[in-house]
Amino acid sequence: MPYTYIILIILSLCLATGAWLIFIWALKRDQFDDMEGPKYRMLDNDDDKKQS
C-alpha cells in the first residue's frame, strides 16, 4: 500500500513539473499577448503622428 502512495506522489510531481515547464515555454514564446490593446489602438487618432 505505501508503494502506491509513493508512485502517485512521484507521478503528480512529474505532471506538475511538466505543466510548469509548458507554462514557462508559452510565456517565452509570447503566447499570452494583449487581447485588449488592438481595440483601443484602433481608436487612436493617427493625424497627430502624421504631422510630426
PDB file of N, CA and C in Angstrom:
ATOM      1  N   MET A   1       0.814  -1.204   0.000  1.00  0.00           N
ATOM      2  CA  MET A   1       0.000   0.000   0.000  1.00  0.00           C
ATOM      3  C   MET A   1       0.860   1.272   0.000  1.00  0.00           C
ATOM      4  N   PRO A   2       1.913   1.382   0.809  1.00  0.00           N
ATOM      5  CA  PRO A   2       2.713   2.607   0.792  1.00  0.00           C
ATOM      6  C   PRO A   2       3.414   2.846  -0.545  1.00  0.00           C
ATOM      7  N   TYR A   3       3.711   1.756  -1.284  1.00  0.00           N
ATOM      8  CA  TYR A   3       4.366   1.929  -2.574  1.00  0.00           C
ATOM      9  C   TYR A   3       3.446   2.644  -3.554  1.00  0.00           C
ATOM     10  N   THR A   4       2.174   2.414  -3.435  1.00  0.00           N
ATOM     11  CA  THR A   4       1.198   3.081  -4.297  1.00  0.00           C
ATOM     12  C   THR A   4       1.211   4.585  -4.043  1.00  0.00           C
ATOM     13  N   TYR A   5       1.293   4.982  -2.792  1.00  0.00           N
ATOM     14  CA  TYR A   5       1.337   6.404  -2.457  1.00  0.00           C
ATOM     15  C   TYR A   5       2.601   7.059  -3.000  1.00  0.00           C
ATOM     16  N   ILE A   6       3.705   6.370  -2.896  1.00  0.00           N
ATOM     17  CA  ILE A   6       4.968   6.908  -3.392  1.00  0.00           C
ATOM     18  C   ILE A   6       4.911   7.094  -4.907  1.00  0.00           C
ATOM     19  N   ILE A   7       4.358   6.101  -5.605  1.00  0.00           N
ATOM     20  CA  ILE A   7       4.228   6.201  -7.058  1.00  0.00           C
ATOM     21  C   ILE A   7       3.299   7.356  -7.436  1.00  0.00           C
ATOM     22  N   LEU A   8       2.193   7.512  -6.724  1.00  0.00           N
ATOM     23  CA  LEU A   8       1.258   8.597  -7.010  1.00  0.00           C
ATOM     24  C   LEU A   8       1.879   9.971  -6.732  1.00  0.00           C
ATOM     25  N   ILE A   9       2.652  10.080  -5.670  1.00  0.00           N
ATOM     26  CA  ILE A   9       3.312  11.352  -5.355  1.00  0.00           C
ATOM     27  C   ILE A   9       4.334  11.700  -6.429  1.00  0.00           C
ATOM     28  N   ILE A  10       5.128  10.714  -6.839  1.00  0.00           N
ATOM     29  CA  ILE A  10       6.129  10.953  -7.881  1.00  0.00           C
ATOM     30  C   ILE A  10       5.449  11.307  -9.202  1.00  0.00           C
ATOM     31  N   LEU A  11       4.381  10.613  -9.533  1.00  0.00           N
ATOM     32  CA  LEU A  11       3.644  10.901 -10.761  1.00  0.00           C
ATOM     33  C   LEU A  11       3.044  12.309 -10.741  1.00  0.00           C
ATOM     34  N   SER A  12       2.480  12.709  -9.622  1.00  0.00           N
ATOM     35  CA  SER A  12       1.893  14.046  -9.532  1.00  0.00           C
ATOM     36  C   SER A  12       2.969  15.132  -9.598  1.00  0.00           C
ATOM     37  N   LEU A  13       4.137  14.878  -9.012  1.00  0.00           N
ATOM     38  CA  LEU A  13       5.225  15.851  -9.111  1.00  0.00           C
ATOM     39  C   LEU A  13       5.732  15.973 -10.550  1.00  0.00           C
ATOM     40  N   CYS A  14       5.799  14.867 -11.252  1.00  0.00           N
ATOM     41  CA  CYS A  14       6.221  14.903 -12.663  1.00  0.00           C
ATOM     42  C   CYS A  14       5.214  15.661 -13.516  1.00  0.00           C
ATOM     43  N   LEU A  15       3.938  15.420 -13.290  1.00  0.00           N
ATOM     44  CA  LEU A  15       2.909  16.132 -14.046  1.00  0.00           C
ATOM     45  C   LEU A  15       2.908  17.623 -13.736  1.00  0.00           C
ATOM     46  N   ALA A  16       3.079  17.976 -12.486  1.00  0.00           N
ATOM     47  CA  ALA A  16       3.116  19.388 -12.105  1.00  0.00           C
ATOM     48  C   ALA A  16       4.342  20.079 -12.698  1.00  0.00           C
ATOM     49  N   THR A  17       5.481  19.400 -12.694  1.00  0.00           N
ATOM     50  CA  THR A  17       6.690  19.965 -13.298  1.00  0.00           C
ATOM     51  C   THR A  17       6.512  20.142 -14.799  1.00  0.00           C
ATOM     52  N   GLY A  18       5.891  19.173 -15.456  1.00  0.00           N
ATOM     53  CA  GLY A  18       5.624  19.285 -16.889  1.00  0.00           C
ATOM     54  C   GLY A  18       4.694  20.444 -17.201  1.00  0.00           C
ATOM     55  N   ALA A  19       3.653  20.619 -16.408  1.00  0.00           N
ATOM     56  CA  ALA A  19       2.729  21.732 -16.623  1.00  0.00           C
ATOM     57  C   ALA A  19       3.439  23.067 -16.415  1.00  0.00           C
ATOM     58  N   TRP A  20       4.298  23.142 -15.410  1.00  0.00           N
ATOM     59  CA  TRP A  20       5.047  24.372 -15.155  1.00  0.00           C
ATOM     60  C   TRP A  20       5.996  24.688 -16.313  1.00  0.00           C
ATOM     61  N   LEU A  21       6.665  23.675 -16.834  1.00  0.00           N
ATOM     62  CA  LEU A  21       7.585  23.892 -17.951  1.00  0.00           C
ATOM     63  C   LEU A  21       6.843  24.322 -19.219  1.00  0.00           C
ATOM     64  N   ILE A  22       5.681  23.768 -19.463  1.00  0.00           N
ATOM     65  CA  ILE A  22       4.878  24.188 -20.615  1.00  0.00           C
ATOM     66  C   ILE A  22       4.413  25.632 -20.437  1.00  0.00           C
ATOM     67  N   PHE A  23       4.046  26.019 -19.237  1.00  0.00           N
ATOM     68  CA  PHE A  23       3.640  27.394 -18.965  1.00  0.00           C
ATOM     69  C   PHE A  23       4.796  28.362 -19.193  1.00  0.00           C
ATOM     70  N   ILE A  24       5.984  28.025 -18.714  1.00  0.00           N
ATOM     71  CA  ILE A  24       7.155  28.878 -18.918  1.00  0.00           C
ATOM     72  C   ILE A  24       7.485  28.973 -20.407  1.00  0.00           C
ATOM     73  N   TRP A  25       7.389  27.861 -21.134  1.00  0.00           N
ATOM     74  CA  TRP A  25       7.635  27.864 -22.569  1.00  0.00           C
ATOM     75  C   TRP A  25       6.644  28.786 -23.286  1.00  0.00           C
ATOM     76  N   ALA A  26       5.377  28.737 -22.893  1.00  0.00           N
ATOM     77  CA  ALA A  26       4.361  29.582 -23.513  1.00  0.00           C
ATOM     78  C   ALA A  26       4.619  31.055 -23.211  1.00  0.00           C
ATOM     79  N   LEU A  27       5.099  31.365 -22.022  1.00  0.00           N
ATOM     80  CA  LEU A  27       5.425  32.758 -21.698  1.00  0.00           C
ATOM     81  C   LEU A  27       6.577  33.267 -22.556  1.00  0.00           C
ATOM     82  N   LYS A  28       7.588  32.452 -22.754  1.00  0.00           N
ATOM     83  CA  LYS A  28       8.741  32.875 -23.544  1.00  0.00           C
ATOM     84  C   LYS A  28       8.409  32.995 -25.020  1.00  0.00           C
ATOM     85  N   ARG A  29       7.420  32.269 -25.510  1.00  0.00           N
ATOM     86  CA  ARG A  29       7.023  32.315 -26.923  1.00  0.00           C
ATOM     87  C   ARG A  29       5.926  33.347 -27.169  1.00  0.00           C
ATOM     88  N   ASP A  30       5.616  34.185 -26.166  1.00  0.00           N
ATOM     89  CA  ASP A  30       4.597  35.242 -26.266  1.00  0.00           C
ATOM     90  C   ASP A  30       3.233  34.697 -26.675  1.00  0.00           C
ATOM     91  N   GLN A  31       2.815  33.607 -26.074  1.00  0.00           N
ATOM     92  CA  GLN A  31       1.507  33.045 -26.367  1.00  0.00           C
ATOM     93  C   GLN A  31       0.383  33.817 -25.674  1.00  0.00           C
ATOM     94  N   PHE A  32       0.739  34.582 -24.646  1.00  0.00           N
ATOM     95  CA  PHE A  32      -0.256  35.346 -23.902  1.00  0.00           C
ATOM     96  C   PHE A  32      -0.119  36.816 -24.273  1.00  0.00           C
ATOM     97  N   ASP A  33      -0.515  37.169 -25.500  1.00  0.00           N
ATOM     98  CA  ASP A  33      -0.377  38.551 -25.936  1.00  0.00           C
ATOM     99  C   ASP A  33      -1.576  39.373 -25.466  1.00  0.00           C
ATOM    100  N   ASP A  34      -1.489  40.641 -25.703  1.00  0.00           N
ATOM    101  CA  ASP A  34      -2.505  41.571 -25.239  1.00  0.00           C
ATOM    102  C   ASP A  34      -3.741  41.465 -26.127  1.00  0.00           C
ATOM    103  N   MET A  35      -4.854  41.051 -25.571  1.00  0.00           N
ATOM    104  CA  MET A  35      -6.090  40.934 -26.336  1.00  0.00           C
ATOM    105  C   MET A  35      -6.904  42.235 -26.313  1.00  0.00           C
ATOM    106  N   GLU A  36      -6.650  43.101 -25.351  1.00  0.00           N
ATOM    107  CA  GLU A  36      -7.420  44.332 -25.213  1.00  0.00           C
ATOM    108  C   GLU A  36      -6.804  45.492 -25.990  1.00  0.00           C
ATOM    109  N   GLY A  37      -5.510  45.451 -26.231  1.00  0.00           N
ATOM    110  CA  GLY A  37      -4.815  46.577 -26.852  1.00  0.00           C
ATOM    111  C   GLY A  37      -5.267  46.938 -28.248  1.00  0.00           C
ATOM    112  N   PRO A  38      -5.452  45.987 -29.169  1.00  0.00           N
ATOM    113  CA  PRO A  38      -5.807  46.352 -30.539  1.00  0.00           C
ATOM    114  C   PRO A  38      -7.114  47.130 -30.671  1.00  0.00           C
ATOM    115  N   LYS A  39      -8.089  46.828 -29.847  1.00  0.00           N
ATOM    116  CA  LYS A  39      -9.355  47.546 -29.994  1.00  0.00           C
ATOM    117  C   LYS A  39      -9.231  49.002 -29.531  1.00  0.00           C
ATOM    118  N   TYR A  40      -8.310  49.288 -28.612  1.00  0.00           N
ATOM    119  CA  TYR A  40      -8.101  50.675 -28.204  1.00  0.00           C
ATOM    120  C   TYR A  40      -7.140  51.386 -29.159  1.00  0.00           C
ATOM    121  N   ARG A  41      -6.204  50.667 -29.735  1.00  0.00           N
ATOM    122  CA  ARG A  41      -5.282  51.249 -30.701  1.00  0.00           C
ATOM    123  C   ARG A  41      -6.018  51.701 -31.957  1.00  0.00           C
ATOM    124  N   MET A  42      -7.098  51.006 -32.286  1.00  0.00           N
ATOM    125  CA  MET A  42      -7.899  51.350 -33.447  1.00  0.00           C
ATOM    126  C   MET A  42      -8.534  52.735 -33.275  1.00  0.00           C
ATOM    127  N   LEU A  43      -8.807  53.134 -32.038  1.00  0.00           N
ATOM    128  CA  LEU A  43      -9.471  54.404 -31.772  1.00  0.00           C
ATOM    129  C   LEU A  43      -8.507  55.582 -31.679  1.00  0.00           C
ATOM    130  N   ASP A  44      -7.207  55.325 -31.668  1.00  0.00           N
ATOM    131  CA  ASP A  44      -6.231  56.403 -31.595  1.00  0.00           C
ATOM    132  C   ASP A  44      -6.292  57.249 -32.858  1.00  0.00           C
ATOM    133  N   ASN A  45      -6.028  58.526 -32.688  1.00  0.00           N
ATOM    134  CA  ASN A  45      -6.027  59.447 -33.807  1.00  0.00           C
ATOM    135  C   ASN A  45      -4.643  59.437 -34.450  1.00  0.00           C
ATOM    136  N   ASP A  46      -4.555  59.014 -35.704  1.00  0.00           N
ATOM    137  CA  ASP A  46      -3.278  58.936 -36.398  1.00  0.00           C
ATOM    138  C   ASP A  46      -2.863  60.269 -37.015  1.00  0.00           C
ATOM    139  N   ASP A  47      -3.747  61.269 -37.033  1.00  0.00           N
ATOM    140  CA  ASP A  47      -3.414  62.556 -37.631  1.00  0.00           C
ATOM    141  C   ASP A  47      -2.283  63.258 -36.870  1.00  0.00           C
ATOM    142  N   ASP A  48      -2.233  63.095 -35.563  1.00  0.00           N
ATOM    143  CA  ASP A  48      -1.178  63.725 -34.761  1.00  0.00           C
ATOM    144  C   ASP A  48       0.184  63.151 -35.112  1.00  0.00           C
ATOM    145  N   LYS A  49       0.239  61.881 -35.406  1.00  0.00           N
ATOM    146  CA  LYS A  49       1.521  61.238 -35.716  1.00  0.00           C
ATOM    147  C   LYS A  49       2.006  61.617 -37.108  1.00  0.00           C
ATOM    148  N   LYS A  50       1.097  61.855 -38.057  1.00  0.00           N
ATOM    149  CA  LYS A  50       1.479  62.204 -39.418  1.00  0.00           C
ATOM    150  C   LYS A  50       2.040  63.627 -39.512  1.00  0.00           C
ATOM    151  N   GLN A  51       1.580  64.535 -38.663  1.00  0.00           N
ATOM    152  CA  GLN A  51       2.026  65.933 -38.721  1.00  0.00           C
ATOM    153  C   GLN A  51       3.435  66.119 -38.192  1.00  0.00           C
ATOM    154  N   SER A  52       3.868  65.303 -37.284  1.00  0.00           N
ATOM    155  CA  SER A  52       5.197  65.499 -36.688  1.00  0.00           C
ATOM    156  C   SER A  52       6.292  64.792 -37.420  1.00  0.00           C
TER     157      SER A  52
END
